[in-house]
Amino acid sequence: MSRRWDVASFLSPLGLIALVAGGEGIVRVLICADEVELQRRLEVEFFGAVLREDCGGEAEKGVLQLKEYFSGSRWHFSLRLDFSGVAPYSRAVFTQLCDIPYATTISYRELAEKSGSVGAARAVGQVMRRNRWPLLLPCHRVVASDGHCGGYSAASGETAKCWLHAFEKAMLVERGNKKSQKNLDSPSIRLL
């Protein structure tokens, strides 16, 4: 019997974003240039699975929250993510990643240190590269020690990552720091 997944998508400033979810939560966030790329990636990553579009549930909830994020009205996410198959080290890095405040950045080296692995910046880079939940787990906030944006999984790569930095900073200024620093410092998503 084929596995069933719910898929919800929307057009964002970064391109077409799709969330794929199952019974345990969101398993994947895809950021694609267009519908053709999205269909190709879904076929490759979910080969043989039954994909149901716009079925409600966690995928739809994620789309709504991401739309709010891109409108500047959401700084944190409240979603279930399916961490099946995620290695303990990656989970530890993701836990620390969630603590990076909105509109701020941290270096790969600093994230490695916070994760208990001094000198493991490259390992953290690999965890970021394999992040199945870009935006929800804010790997776009992790940069090189010299401040260089670095790679990103969106169709436009580094350009998208730099755009996200500028976007979050602009939203912070636009909202006139109406949110308290306490709210800014709370995790962007809670790992379940």
C-alpha atoms as a PDB file:
ATOM      1  CA  MET A   1       0.000   0.000   0.000  1.00  0.00           C
ATOM      2  CA  SER A   2       1.314   3.453  -0.932  1.00  0.00           C
ATOM      3  CA  ARG A   3       2.035   6.011   1.746  1.00  0.00           C
ATOM      4  CA  ARG A   4      -0.328   8.993   1.701  1.00  0.00           C
ATOM      5  CA  TRP A   5       0.892  12.558   2.069  1.00  0.00           C
ATOM      6  CA  ASP A   6      -0.970  15.851   2.157  1.00  0.00           C
ATOM      7  CA  VAL A   7       0.512  18.638   0.028  1.00  0.00           C
ATOM      8  CA  ALA A   8      -0.309  22.336   0.266  1.00  0.00           C
ATOM      9  CA  SER A   9       1.444  25.056  -1.705  1.00  0.00           C
ATOM     10  CA  PHE A  10       1.430  28.788  -2.358  1.00  0.00           C
ATOM     11  CA  LEU A  11       3.348  31.386  -4.322  1.00  0.00           C
ATOM     12  CA  SER A  12       5.765  33.357  -2.134  1.00  0.00           C
ATOM     13  CA  PRO A  13       8.405  36.028  -2.765  1.00  0.00           C
ATOM     14  CA  LEU A  14      10.941  33.158  -2.950  1.00  0.00           C
ATOM     15  CA  GLY A  15       8.954  31.118  -5.466  1.00  0.00           C
ATOM     16  CA  LEU A  16       6.482  28.279  -5.107  1.00  0.00           C
ATOM     17  CA  ILE A  17       6.566  26.809  -1.591  1.00  0.00           C
ATOM     18  CA  ALA A  18       5.030  23.416  -0.847  1.00  0.00           C
ATOM     19  CA  LEU A  19       4.596  21.669   2.483  1.00  0.00           C
ATOM     20  CA  VAL A  20       4.211  17.899   2.631  1.00  0.00           C
ATOM     21  CA  ALA A  21       2.701  16.353   5.763  1.00  0.00           C
ATOM     22  CA  GLY A  22       1.698  12.975   7.109  1.00  0.00           C
ATOM     23  CA  GLY A  23       0.114  11.804  10.337  1.00  0.00           C
ATOM     24  CA  GLU A  24       3.121  12.792  12.459  1.00  0.00           C
ATOM     25  CA  GLY A  25       3.466  16.305  11.049  1.00  0.00           C
ATOM     26  CA  ILE A  26       5.267  18.144   8.278  1.00  0.00           C
ATOM     27  CA  VAL A  27       7.959  16.023   6.624  1.00  0.00           C
ATOM     28  CA  ARG A  28       9.214  18.462   3.991  1.00  0.00           C
ATOM     29  CA  VAL A  29       9.190  22.090   2.882  1.00  0.00           C
ATOM     30  CA  LEU A  30      10.116  22.603  -0.773  1.00  0.00           C
ATOM     31  CA  ILE A  31      10.990  26.012  -2.231  1.00  0.00           C
ATOM     32  CA  CYS A  32      10.824  25.809  -6.029  1.00  0.00           C
ATOM     33  CA  ALA A  33      11.094  28.170  -8.984  1.00  0.00           C
ATOM     34  CA  ASP A  34       7.822  26.997 -10.527  1.00  0.00           C
ATOM     35  CA  GLU A  35       5.196  24.244 -10.754  1.00  0.00           C
ATOM     36  CA  VAL A  36       7.372  22.136 -13.082  1.00  0.00           C
ATOM     37  CA  GLU A  37      10.237  22.038 -10.574  1.00  0.00           C
ATOM     38  CA  LEU A  38       7.804  21.316  -7.730  1.00  0.00           C
ATOM     39  CA  GLN A  39       6.246  18.359  -9.557  1.00  0.00           C
ATOM     40  CA  ARG A  40       9.694  16.973 -10.429  1.00  0.00           C
ATOM     41  CA  ARG A  41      10.902  17.224  -6.824  1.00  0.00           C
ATOM     42  CA  LEU A  42       7.704  15.677  -5.454  1.00  0.00           C
ATOM     43  CA  GLU A  43       8.053  12.757  -7.887  1.00  0.00           C
ATOM     44  CA  VAL A  44      11.693  12.198  -6.887  1.00  0.00           C
ATOM     45  CA  GLU A  45      11.292  12.577  -3.116  1.00  0.00           C
ATOM     46  CA  PHE A  46       7.895  10.882  -2.770  1.00  0.00           C
ATOM     47  CA  PHE A  47       8.082   8.309  -5.570  1.00  0.00           C
ATOM     48  CA  GLY A  48       5.117   5.952  -5.541  1.00  0.00           C
ATOM     49  CA  ALA A  49       3.314   7.845  -2.802  1.00  0.00           C
ATOM     50  CA  VAL A  50      -0.237   9.118  -3.025  1.00  0.00           C
ATOM     51  CA  LEU A  51      -0.128  12.913  -2.802  1.00  0.00           C
ATOM     52  CA  ARG A  52      -3.361  14.655  -1.826  1.00  0.00           C
ATOM     53  CA  GLU A  53      -3.516  18.391  -2.428  1.00  0.00           C
ATOM     54  CA  ASP A  54      -5.145  20.932  -0.133  1.00  0.00           C
ATOM     55  CA  CYS A  55      -6.551  18.404   2.333  1.00  0.00           C
ATOM     56  CA  GLY A  56      -6.317  20.597   5.397  1.00  0.00           C
ATOM     57  CA  GLY A  57      -4.293  19.452   8.347  1.00  0.00           C
ATOM     58  CA  GLU A  58      -0.728  20.395   9.191  1.00  0.00           C
ATOM     59  CA  ALA A  59       0.314  21.190   5.594  1.00  0.00           C
ATOM     60  CA  GLU A  60      -2.491  23.743   5.204  1.00  0.00           C
ATOM     61  CA  LYS A  61      -1.793  25.131   8.666  1.00  0.00           C
ATOM     62  CA  GLY A  62       1.851  25.551   7.664  1.00  0.00           C
ATOM     63  CA  VAL A  63       0.908  27.393   4.473  1.00  0.00           C
ATOM     64  CA  LEU A  64      -1.281  29.804   6.450  1.00  0.00           C
ATOM     65  CA  GLN A  65       1.520  30.474   8.943  1.00  0.00           C
ATOM     66  CA  LEU A  66       4.097  30.989   6.174  1.00  0.00           C
ATOM     67  CA  LYS A  67       1.764  33.442   4.415  1.00  0.00           C
ATOM     68  CA  GLU A  68       1.554  35.342   7.703  1.00  0.00           C
ATOM     69  CA  TYR A  69       5.361  35.232   7.956  1.00  0.00           C
ATOM     70  CA  PHE A  70       5.728  36.757   4.482  1.00  0.00           C
ATOM     71  CA  SER A  71       3.138  39.430   5.302  1.00  0.00           C
ATOM     72  CA  GLY A  72       5.229  40.388   8.342  1.00  0.00           C
ATOM     73  CA  SER A  73       2.577  39.417  10.881  1.00  0.00           C
ATOM     74  CA  ARG A  74       4.180  36.165  12.136  1.00  0.00           C
ATOM     75  CA  TRP A  75       7.621  35.797  13.661  1.00  0.00           C
ATOM     76  CA  HIS A  76       7.204  32.316  15.169  1.00  0.00           C
ATOM     77  CA  PHE A  77       5.653  29.060  13.979  1.00  0.00           C
ATOM     78  CA  SER A  78       3.477  26.622  15.867  1.00  0.00           C
ATOM     79  CA  LEU A  79       3.551  23.432  13.810  1.00  0.00           C
ATOM     80  CA  ARG A  80       4.238  19.728  14.225  1.00  0.00           C
ATOM     81  CA  LEU A  81       7.310  18.522  12.343  1.00  0.00           C
ATOM     82  CA  ASP A  82       7.931  14.827  11.705  1.00  0.00           C
ATOM     83  CA  PHE A  83      11.503  14.133  12.837  1.00  0.00           C
ATOM     84  CA  SER A  84      11.472  10.454  11.852  1.00  0.00           C
ATOM     85  CA  GLY A  85      14.936   9.428  10.753  1.00  0.00           C
ATOM     86  CA  VAL A  86      16.671  12.580  12.010  1.00  0.00           C
ATOM     87  CA  ALA A  87      19.982  11.717  13.691  1.00  0.00           C
ATOM     88  CA  PRO A  88      20.482  12.797  17.330  1.00  0.00           C
ATOM     89  CA  TYR A  89      23.272  15.237  16.388  1.00  0.00           C
ATOM     90  CA  SER A  90      21.088  16.885  13.741  1.00  0.00           C
ATOM     91  CA  ARG A  91      18.220  17.134  16.198  1.00  0.00           C
ATOM     92  CA  ALA A  92      20.536  18.821  18.742  1.00  0.00           C
ATOM     93  CA  VAL A  93      21.613  21.334  16.095  1.00  0.00           C
ATOM     94  CA  PHE A  94      17.983  21.949  15.050  1.00  0.00           C
ATOM     95  CA  THR A  95      17.034  22.541  18.693  1.00  0.00           C
ATOM     96  CA  GLN A  96      19.676  25.271  18.961  1.00  0.00           C
ATOM     97  CA  LEU A  97      18.708  26.621  15.531  1.00  0.00           C
ATOM     98  CA  CYS A  98      15.175  27.252  16.785  1.00  0.00           C
ATOM     99  CA  ASP A  99      16.554  29.593  19.439  1.00  0.00           C
ATOM    100  CA  ILE A 100      18.010  32.063  16.913  1.00  0.00           C
ATOM    101  CA  PRO A 101      15.837  35.175  17.206  1.00  0.00           C
ATOM    102  CA  TYR A 102      13.965  36.622  14.250  1.00  0.00           C
ATOM    103  CA  ALA A 103      16.036  39.057  12.138  1.00  0.00           C
ATOM    104  CA  THR A 104      19.369  37.939  13.605  1.00  0.00           C
ATOM    105  CA  THR A 105      22.106  35.663  12.333  1.00  0.00           C
ATOM    106  CA  ILE A 106      24.634  33.295  13.838  1.00  0.00           C
ATOM    107  CA  SER A 107      27.717  31.702  12.303  1.00  0.00           C
ATOM    108  CA  TYR A 108      28.058  27.991  11.612  1.00  0.00           C
ATOM    109  CA  ARG A 109      30.894  27.969  14.163  1.00  0.00           C
ATOM    110  CA  GLU A 110      28.738  29.621  16.847  1.00  0.00           C
ATOM    111  CA  LEU A 111      25.875  27.204  16.186  1.00  0.00           C
ATOM    112  CA  ALA A 112      28.301  24.269  16.466  1.00  0.00           C
ATOM    113  CA  GLU A 113      29.486  25.592  19.834  1.00  0.00           C
ATOM    114  CA  LYS A 114      25.905  26.076  21.082  1.00  0.00           C
ATOM    115  CA  SER A 115      25.181  22.502  19.983  1.00  0.00           C
ATOM    116  CA  GLY A 116      28.071  21.210  22.098  1.00  0.00           C
ATOM    117  CA  SER A 117      30.476  20.551  19.221  1.00  0.00           C
ATOM    118  CA  VAL A 118      33.304  23.079  19.272  1.00  0.00           C
ATOM    119  CA  GLY A 119      35.106  23.060  15.930  1.00  0.00           C
ATOM    120  CA  ALA A 120      32.294  21.334  14.044  1.00  0.00           C
ATOM    121  CA  ALA A 121      31.220  24.226  11.802  1.00  0.00           C
ATOM    122  CA  ARG A 122      31.359  22.038   8.685  1.00  0.00           C
ATOM    123  CA  ALA A 123      29.213  19.367  10.321  1.00  0.00           C
ATOM    124  CA  VAL A 124      26.654  22.056  11.182  1.00  0.00           C
ATOM    125  CA  GLY A 125      26.818  23.225   7.568  1.00  0.00           C
ATOM    126  CA  GLN A 126      25.923  19.700   6.446  1.00  0.00           C
ATOM    127  CA  VAL A 127      22.989  19.593   8.875  1.00  0.00           C
ATOM    128  CA  MET A 128      21.770  22.924   7.468  1.00  0.00           C
ATOM    129  CA  ARG A 129      22.176  21.623   3.908  1.00  0.00           C
ATOM    130  CA  ARG A 130      19.990  18.612   4.756  1.00  0.00           C
ATOM    131  CA  ASN A 131      17.345  20.646   6.614  1.00  0.00           C
ATOM    132  CA  ARG A 132      14.015  19.296   5.354  1.00  0.00           C
ATOM    133  CA  TRP A 133      12.116  22.260   6.838  1.00  0.00           C
ATOM    134  CA  PRO A 134      13.683  25.496   5.498  1.00  0.00           C
ATOM    135  CA  LEU A 135      11.980  28.632   6.837  1.00  0.00           C
ATOM    136  CA  LEU A 136      10.284  26.665   9.639  1.00  0.00           C
ATOM    137  CA  LEU A 137      13.696  25.667  11.021  1.00  0.00           C
ATOM    138  CA  PRO A 138      15.452  28.943  10.185  1.00  0.00           C
ATOM    139  CA  CYS A 139      18.673  27.739   8.557  1.00  0.00           C
ATOM    140  CA  HIS A 140      18.615  31.003   6.588  1.00  0.00           C
ATOM    141  CA  ARG A 141      19.800  32.702   9.800  1.00  0.00           C
ATOM    142  CA  VAL A 142      23.070  30.734   9.816  1.00  0.00           C
ATOM    143  CA  VAL A 143      25.926  32.433   7.950  1.00  0.00           C
ATOM    144  CA  ALA A 144      29.672  32.142   7.452  1.00  0.00           C
ATOM    145  CA  SER A 145      31.933  33.628  10.132  1.00  0.00           C
ATOM    146  CA  ASP A 146      32.722  36.544   7.799  1.00  0.00           C
ATOM    147  CA  GLY A 147      28.994  37.339   7.484  1.00  0.00           C
ATOM    148  CA  HIS A 148      28.679  35.898   3.963  1.00  0.00           C
ATOM    149  CA  CYS A 149      25.173  34.456   3.439  1.00  0.00           C
ATOM    150  CA  GLY A 150      26.227  31.098   2.013  1.00  0.00           C
ATOM    151  CA  GLY A 151      24.081  28.508   0.252  1.00  0.00           C
ATOM    152  CA  TYR A 152      20.359  27.922   0.609  1.00  0.00           C
ATOM    153  CA  SER A 153      17.884  25.321  -0.630  1.00  0.00           C
ATOM    154  CA  ALA A 154      15.535  27.730  -2.427  1.00  0.00           C
ATOM    155  CA  ALA A 155      15.567  27.850  -6.220  1.00  0.00           C
ATOM    156  CA  SER A 156      17.602  31.069  -6.161  1.00  0.00           C
ATOM    157  CA  GLY A 157      19.987  29.827  -3.442  1.00  0.00           C
ATOM    158  CA  GLU A 158      22.152  32.467  -1.811  1.00  0.00           C
ATOM    159  CA  THR A 159      20.084  35.307  -3.296  1.00  0.00           C
ATOM    160  CA  ALA A 160      17.020  33.971  -1.455  1.00  0.00           C
ATOM    161  CA  LYS A 161      18.947  33.631   1.805  1.00  0.00           C
ATOM    162  CA  CYS A 162      20.221  37.220   1.621  1.00  0.00           C
ATOM    163  CA  TRP A 163      16.702  38.384   0.713  1.00  0.00           C
ATOM    164  CA  LEU A 164      15.324  36.668   3.846  1.00  0.00           C
ATOM    165  CA  HIS A 165      17.882  38.482   6.034  1.00  0.00           C
ATOM    166  CA  ALA A 166      16.899  41.849   4.539  1.00  0.00           C
ATOM    167  CA  PHE A 167      13.183  40.999   4.740  1.00  0.00           C
ATOM    168  CA  GLU A 168      13.281  40.085   8.433  1.00  0.00           C
ATOM    169  CA  LYS A 169      15.280  43.200   9.297  1.00  0.00           C
ATOM    170  CA  ALA A 170      12.849  45.378   7.311  1.00  0.00           C
ATOM    171  CA  MET A 171       9.853  43.807   9.071  1.00  0.00           C
ATOM    172  CA  LEU A 172      11.501  44.477  12.417  1.00  0.00           C
ATOM    173  CA  VAL A 173      11.971  48.150  11.521  1.00  0.00           C
ATOM    174  CA  GLU A 174       8.541  48.461   9.885  1.00  0.00           C
ATOM    175  CA  ARG A 175       6.807  47.157  12.950  1.00  0.00           C
ATOM    176  CA  GLY A 176       8.721  49.727  14.981  1.00  0.00           C
ATOM    177  CA  ASN A 177       9.951  47.063  17.368  1.00  0.00           C
ATOM    178  CA  LYS A 178       6.335  46.697  18.561  1.00  0.00           C
ATOM    179  CA  LYS A 179       7.132  43.187  19.677  1.00  0.00           C
ATOM    180  CA  SER A 180       9.048  43.013  22.912  1.00  0.00           C
ATOM    181  CA  GLN A 181      12.563  41.580  22.922  1.00  0.00           C
ATOM    182  CA  LYS A 182      11.160  38.724  25.024  1.00  0.00           C
ATOM    183  CA  ASN A 183       8.866  37.725  22.149  1.00  0.00           C
ATOM    184  CA  LEU A 184      11.702  38.059  19.653  1.00  0.00           C
ATOM    185  CA  ASP A 185      13.930  35.787  21.678  1.00  0.00           C
ATOM    186  CA  SER A 186      11.397  32.985  21.988  1.00  0.00           C
ATOM    187  CA  PRO A 187      11.980  29.969  19.737  1.00  0.00           C
ATOM    188  CA  SER A 188      10.781  30.243  16.146  1.00  0.00           C
ATOM    189  CA  ILE A 189       9.252  26.761  16.390  1.00  0.00           C
ATOM    190  CA  ARG A 190       9.054  24.175  19.110  1.00  0.00           C
ATOM    191  CA  LEU A 191      10.349  20.689  18.354  1.00  0.00           C
ATOM    192  CA  LEU A 192       7.824  18.019  19.264  1.00  0.00           C
END
